[in-house]
Amino acid sequence: MKNIKIISGKLTIVKRLKGSESGNPRFLISINNNEYSTTNDAMFGYSVQNYDNKTVLARVGIHYKKPSIESAVILCENDRMKMQSCTVSEFNQFNQ
């Protein structure tokens, strides 16, 4: 994935996409009115439904010329204030 950045906002599932050739689920999601798809055969495709309508901190980027989401963590309001702009290493620490 290229142009990786960390964003925060409310994640909503727009629709379920056609599964991968391996049969794994894929979704089109929206965060702050920007749409991202889960990548083919990614574990996140299985857990993304747990994040629907929740405020998240998400790792997004470009995968094969498409905006994609790689992972996310649910934030409470106190966390959101602390994490409005963070680096990838800070996100990785927060994600543990």
Protein backbone atom coordinates (compact mmCIF):
# COMPACT_ATOMS: atom_id res chain seq x y z
CA MET A 1 0.00 0.00 0.00
CA LYS A 2 1.23 3.51 -0.85
CA ASN A 3 0.54 6.97 0.58
CA ILE A 4 -0.37 5.55 3.97
CA LYS A 5 -1.97 7.95 6.41
CA ILE A 6 -3.82 7.76 9.70
CA ILE A 7 -7.30 9.29 9.87
CA SER A 8 -10.01 9.45 12.50
CA GLY A 9 -13.76 9.64 12.08
CA LYS A 10 -16.99 7.67 12.08
CA LEU A 11 -16.74 4.46 10.05
CA THR A 12 -19.88 3.36 8.23
CA ILE A 13 -20.32 0.40 5.92
CA VAL A 14 -21.64 1.57 2.55
CA LYS A 15 -22.09 -1.88 1.02
CA ARG A 16 -20.67 -5.36 0.81
CA LEU A 17 -18.59 -5.91 -2.31
CA LYS A 18 -18.14 -9.08 -4.31
CA GLY A 19 -15.87 -11.45 -2.38
CA SER A 20 -12.32 -12.19 -3.47
CA GLU A 21 -11.50 -15.16 -5.68
CA SER A 22 -10.66 -17.02 -2.47
CA GLY A 23 -14.15 -16.28 -1.12
CA ASN A 24 -13.06 -13.74 1.49
CA PRO A 25 -15.42 -10.82 2.29
CA ARG A 26 -14.85 -7.29 1.00
CA PHE A 27 -16.59 -4.07 1.97
CA LEU A 28 -16.89 -0.48 0.80
CA ILE A 29 -16.75 1.77 3.85
CA SER A 30 -16.93 5.50 4.47
CA ILE A 31 -14.95 7.59 6.95
CA ASN A 32 -15.65 11.34 6.99
CA ASN A 33 -17.47 11.08 3.63
CA ASN A 34 -14.41 9.48 1.96
CA GLU A 35 -14.87 5.94 0.64
CA TYR A 36 -12.35 3.12 1.05
CA SER A 37 -12.52 -0.58 0.23
CA THR A 38 -11.06 -3.41 2.22
CA THR A 39 -8.23 -5.13 0.37
CA ASN A 40 -8.52 -8.60 -1.16
CA ASP A 41 -7.92 -11.47 1.25
CA ALA A 42 -7.26 -9.16 4.22
CA MET A 43 -8.20 -10.20 7.76
CA PHE A 44 -9.77 -6.78 8.27
CA GLY A 45 -12.61 -7.80 5.91
CA TYR A 46 -13.81 -10.23 8.57
CA SER A 47 -13.82 -7.74 11.45
CA VAL A 48 -14.93 -4.51 9.74
CA GLN A 49 -18.57 -5.10 10.71
CA ASN A 50 -17.55 -4.70 14.37
CA TYR A 51 -16.54 -1.08 13.61
CA ASP A 52 -19.77 0.01 11.86
CA ASN A 53 -21.06 3.37 13.19
CA LYS A 54 -18.11 3.71 15.59
CA THR A 55 -15.50 6.45 15.84
CA VAL A 56 -12.22 4.93 14.71
CA LEU A 57 -8.59 5.67 14.07
CA ALA A 58 -7.87 4.05 10.70
CA ARG A 59 -4.83 3.31 8.57
CA VAL A 60 -5.68 4.06 4.92
CA GLY A 61 -3.77 4.37 1.66
CA ILE A 62 -3.74 3.54 -2.02
CA HIS A 63 -3.73 -0.15 -3.02
CA TYR A 64 -3.63 -0.88 -6.76
CA LYS A 65 -4.80 2.69 -7.52
CA LYS A 66 -7.84 2.41 -5.20
CA PRO A 67 -8.36 4.09 -1.82
CA SER A 68 -8.20 1.25 0.71
CA ILE A 69 -8.38 0.68 4.45
CA GLU A 70 -5.86 -1.62 6.09
CA SER A 71 -6.85 -1.55 9.78
CA ALA A 72 -8.73 0.42 12.42
CA VAL A 73 -9.14 0.76 16.17
CA ILE A 74 -12.22 2.05 18.00
CA LEU A 75 -11.72 5.33 19.86
CA CYS A 76 -13.55 6.75 22.83
CA GLU A 77 -13.95 10.54 22.96
CA ASN A 78 -10.90 11.05 25.22
CA ASP A 79 -8.73 9.04 22.82
CA ARG A 80 -10.02 10.96 19.81
CA MET A 81 -8.87 14.26 21.30
CA LYS A 82 -5.37 12.83 21.89
CA MET A 83 -5.06 11.11 18.50
CA GLN A 84 -6.36 13.70 16.00
CA SER A 85 -3.03 13.75 14.25
CA CYS A 86 -0.58 10.95 14.86
CA THR A 87 2.25 9.19 13.12
CA VAL A 88 2.22 5.59 11.90
CA SER A 89 4.44 4.53 14.83
CA GLU A 90 2.06 6.19 17.32
CA PHE A 91 -0.85 4.37 15.67
CA ASN A 92 1.00 1.06 15.96
CA GLN A 93 1.57 1.69 19.68
CA PHE A 94 -2.09 2.64 20.13
CA ASN A 95 -3.19 -0.47 18.20
CA GLN A 96 -1.45 -2.89 20.62
